[in-house]
């Protein structure tokens, strides 16, 4: 179920946004329906 007004991003989109914001060492881990994204500023 999607919450009204909520935006769902794909992992590659999140990585690109983080890099554009100055983050580096972006790591993405996927498991079933879960997504974990970590990065350094």
C-alpha atoms as a PDB file:
ATOM      1  CA  UNK A   1       0.000   0.000   0.000  1.00  0.00           C
ATOM      2  CA  UNK A   2       1.330   3.418  -0.967  1.00  0.00           C
ATOM      3  CA  UNK A   3       0.749   6.380   1.336  1.00  0.00           C
ATOM      4  CA  UNK A   4      -0.795   9.451  -0.310  1.00  0.00           C
ATOM      5  CA  UNK A   5       1.870  12.015  -1.222  1.00  0.00           C
ATOM      6  CA  UNK A   6       4.685   9.536  -0.615  1.00  0.00           C
ATOM      7  CA  UNK A   7       7.297   9.060  -3.336  1.00  0.00           C
ATOM      8  CA  UNK A   8       8.852   5.644  -3.900  1.00  0.00           C
ATOM      9  CA  UNK A   9      12.412   5.793  -5.247  1.00  0.00           C
ATOM     10  CA  UNK A  10      14.451   3.049  -6.885  1.00  0.00           C
ATOM     11  CA  UNK A  11      17.836   2.191  -5.398  1.00  0.00           C
ATOM     12  CA  UNK A  12      19.762   3.769  -8.281  1.00  0.00           C
ATOM     13  CA  UNK A  13      17.753   6.987  -7.924  1.00  0.00           C
ATOM     14  CA  UNK A  14      18.568   7.205  -4.214  1.00  0.00           C
ATOM     15  CA  UNK A  15      22.250   6.616  -4.957  1.00  0.00           C
ATOM     16  CA  UNK A  16      22.278   9.392  -7.566  1.00  0.00           C
ATOM     17  CA  UNK A  17      20.511  11.853  -5.231  1.00  0.00           C
ATOM     18  CA  UNK A  18      22.943  11.098  -2.405  1.00  0.00           C
ATOM     19  CA  UNK A  19      25.963  11.555  -4.679  1.00  0.00           C
ATOM     20  CA  UNK A  20      24.542  14.849  -5.985  1.00  0.00           C
ATOM     21  CA  UNK A  21      24.184  15.976  -2.357  1.00  0.00           C
ATOM     22  CA  UNK A  22      27.892  15.313  -1.720  1.00  0.00           C
ATOM     23  CA  UNK A  23      27.749  11.830  -0.204  1.00  0.00           C
ATOM     24  CA  UNK A  24      30.260   9.161  -1.184  1.00  0.00           C
ATOM     25  CA  UNK A  25      30.832   5.464  -0.488  1.00  0.00           C
ATOM     26  CA  UNK A  26      27.150   4.859  -1.136  1.00  0.00           C
ATOM     27  CA  UNK A  27      26.297   1.239  -0.375  1.00  0.00           C
ATOM     28  CA  UNK A  28      23.000  -0.398  -1.229  1.00  0.00           C
ATOM     29  CA  UNK A  29      21.839  -3.679   0.266  1.00  0.00           C
ATOM     30  CA  UNK A  30      18.661  -5.413  -0.831  1.00  0.00           C
ATOM     31  CA  UNK A  31      16.896  -8.286   0.893  1.00  0.00           C
ATOM     32  CA  UNK A  32      13.435  -9.373  -0.184  1.00  0.00           C
ATOM     33  CA  UNK A  33      11.339  -6.166  -0.155  1.00  0.00           C
ATOM     34  CA  UNK A  34      13.747  -4.261   2.109  1.00  0.00           C
ATOM     35  CA  UNK A  35      16.333  -1.714   1.019  1.00  0.00           C
ATOM     36  CA  UNK A  36      19.193  -0.433   3.175  1.00  0.00           C
ATOM     37  CA  UNK A  37      21.236   2.530   1.938  1.00  0.00           C
ATOM     38  CA  UNK A  38      24.293   3.885   3.759  1.00  0.00           C
ATOM     39  CA  UNK A  39      26.687   6.647   2.721  1.00  0.00           C
ATOM     40  CA  UNK A  40      29.389   8.982   4.033  1.00  0.00           C
ATOM     41  CA  UNK A  41      29.286  12.770   3.867  1.00  0.00           C
END
